[in-house]
Amino acid sequence: MISYRNVSYRWVILSVIFGSQFVLSMAAYGWGPLAPFLKKVMSLNTTEIGMISSTFYLAAAVSVFPAGVMVDRYGERKGLLTWLGLTGFPLFLLSLIHHDYSFFLIMVAIAGAGYSISNPVATKALYSWFDRKVRGTVFGIRQSAVTVGGAVAGLMLVYISQRSGPFAALRAVCWMIVAMMVLAFIMYRSPERAEITPPRRGAKDGGAMSSGFRGFFSRPFLALCMVVAMLGLVQGVVVTFFLLYINEGLGYSVFAAGSCFTVFMVSGAGGRILWGIISDLLFDGNRKPVLLIISLTAIVSVVILALWSSAWPHWLFIPVIIGIGISSWGWNAITFLFVAEMSDRTKTASSVGLATAFGWLGMSLGPVVFGSLTDRFGYFYAWMSLAVFCIFSLLVCLLLPGSVTRT
C-alpha cells in the first residue's frame, strides 16, 4: 500500500491516532467520575446527571454517519483536527460558563457530535497506512486507547475535582486535547496517492460493497451492522450494570466489585489487541471466525454470570470476568476493521460511521431494557435475556462473507 520510505512513518501515524483517541476518551468517559462533583456544584438531581451522558452519546449516534461522509469527502487530516477541536472547544467553553444547565447540555451535545468523528477518521487513517497483514493488531492497539483513556479519567478527574473542582478537571482535559491537536497538525500526513493500491471492485464473494450508497443496503453490510448493534447493546449493559450486579446481586463489597470492574476493563483493552493478533496470525486476516469466537465467548460468559453464586470460590470468578471483558468490551476493533475491508475505499469512513451509529444506538437502548427487566424479574432473567442477544449475534455472524478481497 505504501512505499518503503513511508513504512517507518506509519508508526508515527499510529501514535498520533492513539494519542488523540486517548485524550478524547478521557472526555467521553469522564462524565461518570465527574458526576458526584457536578451534582454537588450545579445542584443537579440524578436524572439531570444521567441526561449529560445520554445527550453526549445520542448526539454522537445522530452525527456519526454525516461525520463519516465528511471524512470521505475532505480527508483524514481535516477530519482528525475537527475531531479534536469540535470535542475539546465546547467542553472548555462549558467549563467557563456552567451556570445555565440548558447551555451546558447544548455544549455537551456539540462535543458529542465532535466525538462522533472518532471511528470514521481513525479507521480510514489506519486503513490507508497499514496493510492487511498487521491491520488487526493495529486496530486493536488504537481501540485499547479508549479503555486506557477511560481508566485514566477515572483517576485523574477525581483527583483534580477533589482539589480544584470538576470544571478545573474538564479544563485540564481540554488543554491535553489542544496539545494533541497541535501535534496532529504538525505530524499527520496522508500517504501519497500514487503509492496506494487502487481498490478492487466486484469481489467474487460478494463481500465488497458496490460504489455509491447502494452498498449500504447489501446483505453482508447490513448483517455486520446488526452484529455491531447487538454487541453494542451487550457492551452498554455490562458497562452500566456489571459493578452494580456484583455488589447488589452477588453481595461482594464495593471494593471487591470495583476490583472486578478494573479486571473487566483491563481484559477489554487486552481483548481489543488480542483479537486483532489472532485474526492476523491464526486466520490470515479473516475476520469472520474471530467474530464467531467473540459471540460464543459472550454467550458462555453471560450465562455463567447469570448462574453465578457468591458461595462459589472467588478465584474462579476471575476467568468469567476476563471472558466478559474480552467479548463484551473487546469486539470493537476487529468489527470496525471488517466494516472497512467490506466497504468501497471511497466510502470507508461513511460505512464505519453508519455501523458506529448502530453500535451506539444499541449502547443507548440496552441499559434501559436491561434495567426494566431487572426491576420486574430480577438479575437472572435479565442476564439470560442478554445471552439471547449474544446468540442472535452468533447467528447473524454466519451470514457474513468468509473473506473480502479489498487490500
Protein backbone atom coordinates (compact mmCIF):
# COMPACT_ATOMS: atom_id res chain seq x y z
CA MET A 1 0.00 0.00 0.00
CA ILE A 2 2.76 2.47 0.89
CA SER A 3 6.35 2.73 -0.27
CA TYR A 4 9.34 1.52 1.70
CA ARG A 5 10.35 5.03 2.78
CA ASN A 6 6.99 5.50 4.47
CA VAL A 7 6.89 2.19 6.31
CA SER A 8 8.54 3.56 9.46
CA TYR A 9 6.44 6.74 9.47
CA ARG A 10 3.20 4.79 9.71
CA TRP A 11 4.04 4.08 13.37
CA VAL A 12 4.12 7.83 13.93
CA ILE A 13 0.62 7.93 12.43
CA LEU A 14 -0.50 5.19 14.83
CA SER A 15 0.94 7.19 17.73
CA VAL A 16 -1.00 10.29 16.66
CA ILE A 17 -4.25 8.34 16.35
CA PHE A 18 -3.65 6.53 19.66
CA GLY A 19 -2.87 9.80 21.47
CA SER A 20 -5.92 11.53 20.01
CA GLN A 21 -8.19 8.65 20.98
CA PHE A 22 -6.68 8.54 24.46
CA VAL A 23 -7.30 12.20 25.37
CA LEU A 24 -10.75 12.29 23.78
CA SER A 25 -11.77 9.09 25.57
CA MET A 26 -10.91 10.82 28.82
CA ALA A 27 -13.52 13.42 27.88
CA ALA A 28 -16.10 10.92 26.62
CA TYR A 29 -15.83 8.58 29.63
CA GLY A 30 -15.25 11.30 32.20
CA TRP A 31 -18.90 12.02 33.00
CA GLY A 32 -19.12 9.12 35.44
CA PRO A 33 -16.12 10.19 37.57
CA LEU A 34 -17.28 13.82 37.40
CA ALA A 35 -20.91 13.01 38.28
CA PRO A 36 -20.69 13.32 42.10
CA PHE A 37 -18.88 16.65 41.82
CA LEU A 38 -21.16 18.10 39.12
CA LYS A 39 -24.21 17.03 41.12
CA LYS A 40 -22.99 18.97 44.14
CA VAL A 41 -21.60 22.06 42.41
CA MET A 42 -24.51 22.53 39.97
CA SER A 43 -27.23 21.28 42.36
CA LEU A 44 -28.39 18.61 39.90
CA ASN A 45 -30.60 15.61 40.57
CA THR A 46 -29.82 12.08 39.40
CA THR A 47 -31.97 12.38 36.26
CA GLU A 48 -30.15 15.56 35.22
CA ILE A 49 -26.81 13.84 35.75
CA GLY A 50 -27.97 10.95 33.55
CA MET A 51 -29.05 13.41 30.87
CA ILE A 52 -25.48 14.63 30.45
CA SER A 53 -24.10 11.26 29.36
CA SER A 54 -27.23 10.42 27.34
CA THR A 55 -27.05 13.75 25.50
CA PHE A 56 -23.38 13.18 24.63
CA TYR A 57 -23.90 9.73 23.12
CA LEU A 58 -27.22 10.49 21.46
CA ALA A 59 -25.61 13.44 19.67
CA ALA A 60 -22.73 11.17 18.68
CA ALA A 61 -25.08 8.49 17.33
CA VAL A 62 -27.04 11.00 15.26
CA SER A 63 -23.90 12.69 13.90
CA VAL A 64 -21.63 9.76 13.18
CA PHE A 65 -22.87 8.93 9.67
CA PRO A 66 -22.63 12.54 8.39
CA ALA A 67 -19.22 12.67 10.07
CA GLY A 68 -18.13 9.65 8.04
CA VAL A 69 -19.34 11.26 4.82
CA MET A 70 -17.35 14.38 5.72
CA VAL A 71 -14.16 12.39 6.32
CA ASP A 72 -14.56 10.60 2.97
CA ARG A 73 -15.02 13.92 1.22
CA TYR A 74 -12.44 16.14 2.92
CA GLY A 75 -9.81 13.63 4.04
CA GLU A 76 -8.46 12.18 7.24
CA ARG A 77 -6.26 15.13 8.25
CA LYS A 78 -9.11 17.64 8.32
CA GLY A 79 -11.30 15.06 9.98
CA LEU A 80 -8.68 14.41 12.67
CA LEU A 81 -8.33 18.10 13.51
CA THR A 82 -12.11 18.56 13.50
CA TRP A 83 -12.49 15.55 15.80
CA LEU A 84 -10.13 17.10 18.34
CA GLY A 85 -11.34 20.69 18.02
CA LEU A 86 -15.08 20.09 17.93
CA THR A 87 -14.89 17.86 21.00
CA GLY A 88 -12.50 19.96 23.06
CA PHE A 89 -13.69 23.53 22.47
CA PRO A 90 -17.30 23.07 23.70
CA LEU A 91 -16.04 21.32 26.83
CA PHE A 92 -13.67 24.19 27.50
CA LEU A 93 -16.49 26.68 26.99
CA LEU A 94 -18.89 24.92 29.36
CA SER A 95 -16.13 24.70 31.98
CA LEU A 96 -16.15 28.52 31.99
CA ILE A 97 -19.90 29.10 31.56
CA HIS A 98 -21.72 26.44 33.53
CA HIS A 99 -24.48 28.18 35.49
CA ASP A 100 -27.15 27.51 32.84
CA TYR A 101 -27.96 23.79 32.63
CA SER A 102 -29.56 24.13 29.17
CA PHE A 103 -26.41 25.78 27.80
CA PHE A 104 -24.39 23.05 29.49
CA LEU A 105 -26.35 20.34 27.65
CA ILE A 106 -26.02 22.17 24.32
CA MET A 107 -22.22 22.25 24.70
CA VAL A 108 -22.24 18.58 25.69
CA ALA A 109 -24.25 17.76 22.56
CA ILE A 110 -21.79 19.65 20.33
CA ALA A 111 -18.90 17.82 21.98
CA GLY A 112 -20.72 14.53 21.36
CA ALA A 113 -21.13 15.44 17.69
CA GLY A 114 -17.39 16.11 17.56
CA TYR A 115 -16.59 12.81 19.21
CA SER A 116 -18.69 11.01 16.59
CA ILE A 117 -15.85 11.54 14.10
CA SER A 118 -13.64 9.14 16.08
CA ASN A 119 -14.35 5.79 14.42
CA PRO A 120 -14.66 7.07 10.82
CA VAL A 121 -11.45 9.13 10.84
CA ALA A 122 -9.30 6.68 12.84
CA THR A 123 -10.44 3.71 10.75
CA LYS A 124 -9.84 5.45 7.43
CA ALA A 125 -6.45 6.78 8.52
CA LEU A 126 -5.13 3.46 9.80
CA TYR A 127 -6.60 1.60 6.84
CA SER A 128 -4.73 3.91 4.46
CA TRP A 129 -1.39 3.49 6.22
CA PHE A 130 -1.31 -0.20 7.20
CA ASP A 131 -1.52 -3.34 5.10
CA ARG A 132 -3.77 -6.31 5.72
CA LYS A 133 -1.11 -8.37 7.49
CA VAL A 134 -0.97 -6.06 10.54
CA ARG A 135 -4.28 -4.17 10.43
CA GLY A 136 -6.00 -6.36 13.01
CA THR A 137 -3.23 -5.74 15.54
CA VAL A 138 -3.03 -2.02 14.75
CA PHE A 139 -6.78 -1.53 15.03
CA GLY A 140 -6.70 -3.32 18.37
CA ILE A 141 -3.95 -1.03 19.68
CA ARG A 142 -5.96 2.03 18.64
CA GLN A 143 -9.14 0.72 20.27
CA SER A 144 -7.28 -0.05 23.51
CA ALA A 145 -6.76 3.71 23.83
CA VAL A 146 -10.50 4.02 24.53
CA THR A 147 -10.25 1.81 27.60
CA VAL A 148 -6.94 3.27 28.78
CA GLY A 149 -8.31 6.80 28.44
CA GLY A 150 -11.43 5.91 30.39
CA ALA A 151 -9.38 4.27 33.14
CA VAL A 152 -7.04 7.27 33.47
CA ALA A 153 -10.05 9.61 33.53
CA GLY A 154 -11.44 7.72 36.50
CA LEU A 155 -8.29 8.52 38.47
CA MET A 156 -7.16 11.91 37.18
CA LEU A 157 -10.53 13.65 37.02
CA VAL A 158 -11.47 12.56 40.52
CA TYR A 159 -8.09 13.70 41.84
CA ILE A 160 -8.33 17.16 40.27
CA SER A 161 -12.03 17.54 41.14
CA GLN A 162 -11.36 16.85 44.80
CA ARG A 163 -8.78 19.63 44.91
CA SER A 164 -9.93 22.23 42.39
CA GLY A 165 -13.46 21.27 41.31
CA PRO A 166 -14.92 19.43 38.30
CA PHE A 167 -14.56 22.34 35.88
CA ALA A 168 -10.84 22.60 36.56
CA ALA A 169 -10.66 18.89 35.76
CA LEU A 170 -12.52 19.48 32.47
CA ARG A 171 -10.15 22.32 31.57
CA ALA A 172 -7.16 20.06 32.23
CA VAL A 173 -8.51 17.53 29.72
CA CYS A 174 -9.20 20.32 27.24
CA TRP A 175 -5.59 21.55 27.43
CA MET A 176 -4.46 17.99 26.73
CA ILE A 177 -6.74 17.97 23.68
CA VAL A 178 -5.24 21.28 22.50
CA ALA A 179 -1.71 19.87 22.84
CA MET A 180 -2.74 16.77 20.89
CA MET A 181 -4.34 18.95 18.22
CA VAL A 182 -1.04 20.81 17.71
CA LEU A 183 0.87 17.52 17.44
CA ALA A 184 -1.67 16.15 14.96
CA PHE A 185 -1.43 19.31 12.84
CA ILE A 186 2.35 19.01 12.68
CA MET A 187 2.79 15.26 12.37
CA TYR A 188 -0.18 13.81 10.49
CA ARG A 189 0.00 13.39 6.73
CA SER A 190 -1.67 11.12 4.22
CA PRO A 191 0.28 8.54 2.18
CA GLU A 192 0.93 9.62 -1.40
CA ARG A 193 -1.93 8.65 -3.69
CA ALA A 194 0.45 7.09 -6.19
CA GLU A 195 1.53 4.66 -3.51
CA ILE A 196 -1.94 3.42 -2.64
CA THR A 197 -3.17 0.28 -4.34
CA PRO A 198 -6.40 1.04 -6.23
CA PRO A 199 -9.42 -0.58 -4.61
CA ARG A 200 -10.59 -3.82 -6.13
CA ARG A 201 -14.19 -3.93 -7.13
CA GLY A 202 -16.58 -6.74 -7.74
CA ALA A 203 -15.32 -9.16 -5.15
CA LYS A 204 -16.18 -12.71 -6.06
CA ASP A 205 -17.55 -13.48 -2.64
CA GLY A 206 -19.90 -10.53 -2.69
CA GLY A 207 -18.23 -9.03 0.39
CA ALA A 208 -17.05 -5.76 -1.12
CA MET A 209 -19.62 -3.04 -1.19
CA SER A 210 -20.71 -1.59 -4.51
CA SER A 211 -19.99 2.05 -5.23
CA GLY A 212 -22.37 4.69 -4.02
CA PHE A 213 -24.80 4.47 -1.16
CA ARG A 214 -26.39 1.33 -2.60
CA GLY A 215 -23.60 -0.60 -0.90
CA PHE A 216 -25.08 0.29 2.46
CA PHE A 217 -28.05 -1.94 1.66
CA SER A 218 -26.05 -5.04 0.76
CA ARG A 219 -26.83 -8.08 2.86
CA PRO A 220 -23.28 -8.56 4.24
CA PHE A 221 -23.04 -4.92 5.34
CA LEU A 222 -26.47 -4.89 6.98
CA ALA A 223 -25.67 -8.19 8.72
CA LEU A 224 -22.46 -6.72 10.08
CA CYS A 225 -24.36 -3.63 11.29
CA MET A 226 -26.74 -5.93 13.16
CA VAL A 227 -23.78 -7.64 14.81
CA VAL A 228 -22.42 -4.22 15.82
CA ALA A 229 -25.81 -3.22 17.24
CA MET A 230 -26.17 -6.38 19.33
CA LEU A 231 -22.60 -6.33 20.61
CA GLY A 232 -23.01 -2.62 21.34
CA LEU A 233 -26.15 -3.42 23.34
CA VAL A 234 -24.23 -6.03 25.34
CA GLN A 235 -21.39 -3.58 25.94
CA GLY A 236 -23.75 -0.85 27.16
CA VAL A 237 -25.44 -3.23 29.60
CA VAL A 238 -22.25 -4.70 31.03
CA VAL A 239 -20.53 -1.33 31.47
CA THR A 240 -23.60 0.07 33.23
CA PHE A 241 -24.64 -2.85 35.45
CA PHE A 242 -21.63 -5.13 35.94
CA LEU A 243 -20.27 -3.42 39.05
CA LEU A 244 -23.74 -2.86 40.50
CA TYR A 245 -24.69 -6.51 39.98
CA ILE A 246 -21.53 -7.79 41.68
CA ASN A 247 -22.21 -5.53 44.64
CA GLU A 248 -26.01 -5.90 44.97
CA GLY A 249 -26.73 -9.21 43.28
CA LEU A 250 -23.75 -11.27 44.44
CA GLY A 251 -23.11 -9.50 47.73
CA TYR A 252 -19.47 -8.57 47.09
CA SER A 253 -18.12 -5.49 48.85
CA VAL A 254 -17.88 -2.22 46.95
CA PHE A 255 -14.08 -2.52 46.94
CA ALA A 256 -14.21 -6.10 45.61
CA ALA A 257 -16.79 -5.07 42.98
CA GLY A 258 -14.57 -2.18 41.93
CA SER A 259 -11.59 -4.51 41.65
CA CYS A 260 -13.64 -6.86 39.45
CA PHE A 261 -14.62 -3.93 37.27
CA THR A 262 -10.96 -2.99 36.87
CA VAL A 263 -10.18 -6.55 35.76
CA PHE A 264 -13.06 -6.28 33.30
CA MET A 265 -11.74 -3.02 31.81
CA VAL A 266 -8.17 -4.30 31.53
CA SER A 267 -9.42 -7.53 29.91
CA GLY A 268 -11.39 -5.48 27.39
CA ALA A 269 -8.33 -3.44 26.47
CA GLY A 270 -6.29 -6.61 26.07
CA GLY A 271 -9.07 -8.26 24.08
CA ARG A 272 -9.11 -5.47 21.52
CA ILE A 273 -5.47 -6.19 20.76
CA LEU A 274 -5.72 -9.95 21.21
CA TRP A 275 -8.50 -10.47 18.65
CA GLY A 276 -6.55 -8.49 16.06
CA ILE A 277 -3.43 -10.60 16.60
CA ILE A 278 -5.46 -13.81 16.39
CA SER A 279 -7.13 -12.65 13.17
CA ASP A 280 -3.81 -11.63 11.60
CA LEU A 281 -1.71 -14.63 12.64
CA LEU A 282 -4.09 -17.57 13.01
CA PHE A 283 -6.74 -16.77 10.41
CA ASP A 284 -4.59 -14.93 7.83
CA GLY A 285 -6.59 -11.70 8.09
CA ASN A 286 -10.01 -13.40 8.07
CA ARG A 287 -12.32 -11.56 10.49
CA LYS A 288 -15.43 -13.76 10.46
CA PRO A 289 -14.01 -16.62 12.61
CA VAL A 290 -12.93 -14.11 15.24
CA LEU A 291 -16.41 -12.57 15.42
CA LEU A 292 -17.89 -16.05 15.83
CA ILE A 293 -15.48 -16.75 18.70
CA ILE A 294 -16.29 -13.38 20.32
CA SER A 295 -20.04 -14.03 20.18
CA LEU A 296 -19.61 -17.56 21.52
CA THR A 297 -17.40 -16.30 24.36
CA ALA A 298 -20.02 -13.68 25.22
CA ILE A 299 -22.78 -16.32 25.34
CA VAL A 300 -20.85 -18.60 27.69
CA SER A 301 -19.65 -15.76 29.93
CA VAL A 302 -23.07 -14.10 30.30
CA VAL A 303 -24.80 -17.42 31.07
CA ILE A 304 -22.21 -18.27 33.73
CA LEU A 305 -22.60 -14.75 35.15
CA ALA A 306 -26.37 -15.26 35.40
CA LEU A 307 -25.88 -18.60 37.20
CA TRP A 308 -23.04 -17.49 39.45
CA SER A 309 -23.35 -17.85 43.20
CA SER A 310 -21.35 -15.86 45.74
CA ALA A 311 -20.79 -19.13 47.60
CA TRP A 312 -18.56 -20.40 44.80
CA PRO A 313 -14.77 -19.84 45.01
CA HIS A 314 -13.95 -16.22 44.26
CA TRP A 315 -10.83 -17.07 42.28
CA LEU A 316 -13.00 -18.97 39.77
CA PHE A 317 -14.85 -15.74 39.09
CA ILE A 318 -11.75 -14.15 37.52
CA PRO A 319 -11.90 -16.20 34.27
CA VAL A 320 -15.60 -15.29 33.95
CA ILE A 321 -14.76 -11.59 34.28
CA ILE A 322 -11.99 -11.95 31.70
CA GLY A 323 -14.39 -13.69 29.31
CA ILE A 324 -16.93 -10.89 29.76
CA GLY A 325 -14.21 -8.29 29.20
CA ILE A 326 -12.61 -9.68 26.04
CA SER A 327 -16.02 -10.29 24.44
CA SER A 328 -18.40 -7.50 25.50
CA TRP A 329 -15.67 -4.83 25.67
CA GLY A 330 -13.11 -6.22 23.23
CA TRP A 331 -15.09 -6.66 19.99
CA ASN A 332 -14.84 -3.11 18.59
CA ALA A 333 -11.51 -3.08 16.77
CA ILE A 334 -11.91 -6.25 14.73
CA THR A 335 -15.53 -5.41 13.87
CA PHE A 336 -14.88 -1.93 12.53
CA LEU A 337 -11.85 -3.22 10.62
CA PHE A 338 -14.21 -5.75 8.99
CA VAL A 339 -16.53 -2.86 8.07
CA ALA A 340 -13.63 -1.00 6.46
CA GLU A 341 -12.47 -4.04 4.50
CA MET A 342 -16.01 -4.73 3.32
CA SER A 343 -16.55 -1.20 2.02
CA ASP A 344 -15.53 0.63 -1.10
CA ARG A 345 -12.39 2.70 -0.44
CA THR A 346 -14.16 5.97 -1.22
CA LYS A 347 -16.88 5.13 1.34
CA THR A 348 -14.74 3.72 4.17
CA ALA A 349 -15.46 6.47 6.71
CA SER A 350 -19.15 6.65 5.75
CA SER A 351 -19.52 2.88 6.21
CA VAL A 352 -17.78 2.94 9.58
CA GLY A 353 -19.92 5.92 10.60
CA LEU A 354 -23.15 4.11 9.79
CA ALA A 355 -22.03 0.94 11.59
CA THR A 356 -20.98 3.02 14.60
CA ALA A 357 -24.44 4.59 14.71
CA PHE A 358 -25.93 1.10 15.06
CA GLY A 359 -23.50 0.31 17.86
CA TRP A 360 -24.16 3.50 19.82
CA LEU A 361 -27.90 3.09 19.46
CA GLY A 362 -27.52 -0.39 20.91
CA MET A 363 -25.47 1.06 23.77
CA SER A 364 -28.23 3.62 24.42
CA LEU A 365 -31.14 1.14 24.37
CA GLY A 366 -29.54 -1.83 26.12
CA PRO A 367 -29.24 -0.40 29.67
CA VAL A 368 -32.84 0.84 29.62
CA VAL A 369 -34.23 -2.57 28.61
CA PHE A 370 -31.94 -4.45 31.00
CA GLY A 371 -32.85 -2.17 33.89
CA SER A 372 -36.57 -2.65 33.26
CA LEU A 373 -36.19 -6.45 33.13
CA THR A 374 -34.18 -6.39 36.35
CA ASP A 375 -36.85 -4.35 38.16
CA ARG A 376 -39.58 -6.74 37.01
CA PHE A 377 -37.99 -10.18 37.02
CA GLY A 378 -34.60 -9.89 38.71
CA TYR A 379 -31.00 -10.11 37.56
CA PHE A 380 -31.09 -13.77 36.49
CA TYR A 381 -33.70 -13.30 33.77
CA ALA A 382 -32.16 -10.00 32.71
CA TRP A 383 -28.76 -11.63 32.17
CA MET A 384 -30.31 -14.59 30.38
CA SER A 385 -32.14 -12.19 28.04
CA LEU A 386 -28.78 -10.60 27.29
CA ALA A 387 -27.44 -14.06 26.44
CA VAL A 388 -30.23 -14.32 23.86
CA PHE A 389 -28.88 -11.21 22.11
CA CYS A 390 -25.43 -12.80 22.12
CA ILE A 391 -26.94 -15.88 20.45
CA PHE A 392 -28.55 -13.66 17.81
CA SER A 393 -25.15 -12.07 17.22
CA LEU A 394 -23.62 -15.51 16.68
CA LEU A 395 -26.34 -16.49 14.21
CA VAL A 396 -26.05 -13.25 12.24
CA CYS A 397 -22.27 -13.73 12.05
CA LEU A 398 -22.95 -16.83 9.97
CA LEU A 399 -24.38 -14.57 7.24
CA LEU A 400 -21.13 -12.64 6.92
CA PRO A 401 -18.76 -13.33 4.00
CA GLY A 402 -15.86 -15.62 4.79
CA SER A 403 -13.32 -13.17 3.40
CA VAL A 404 -13.03 -9.93 1.46
CA THR A 405 -10.64 -9.19 -1.36
CA ARG A 406 -10.01 -5.49 -0.79
CA THR A 407 -6.40 -4.90 0.33
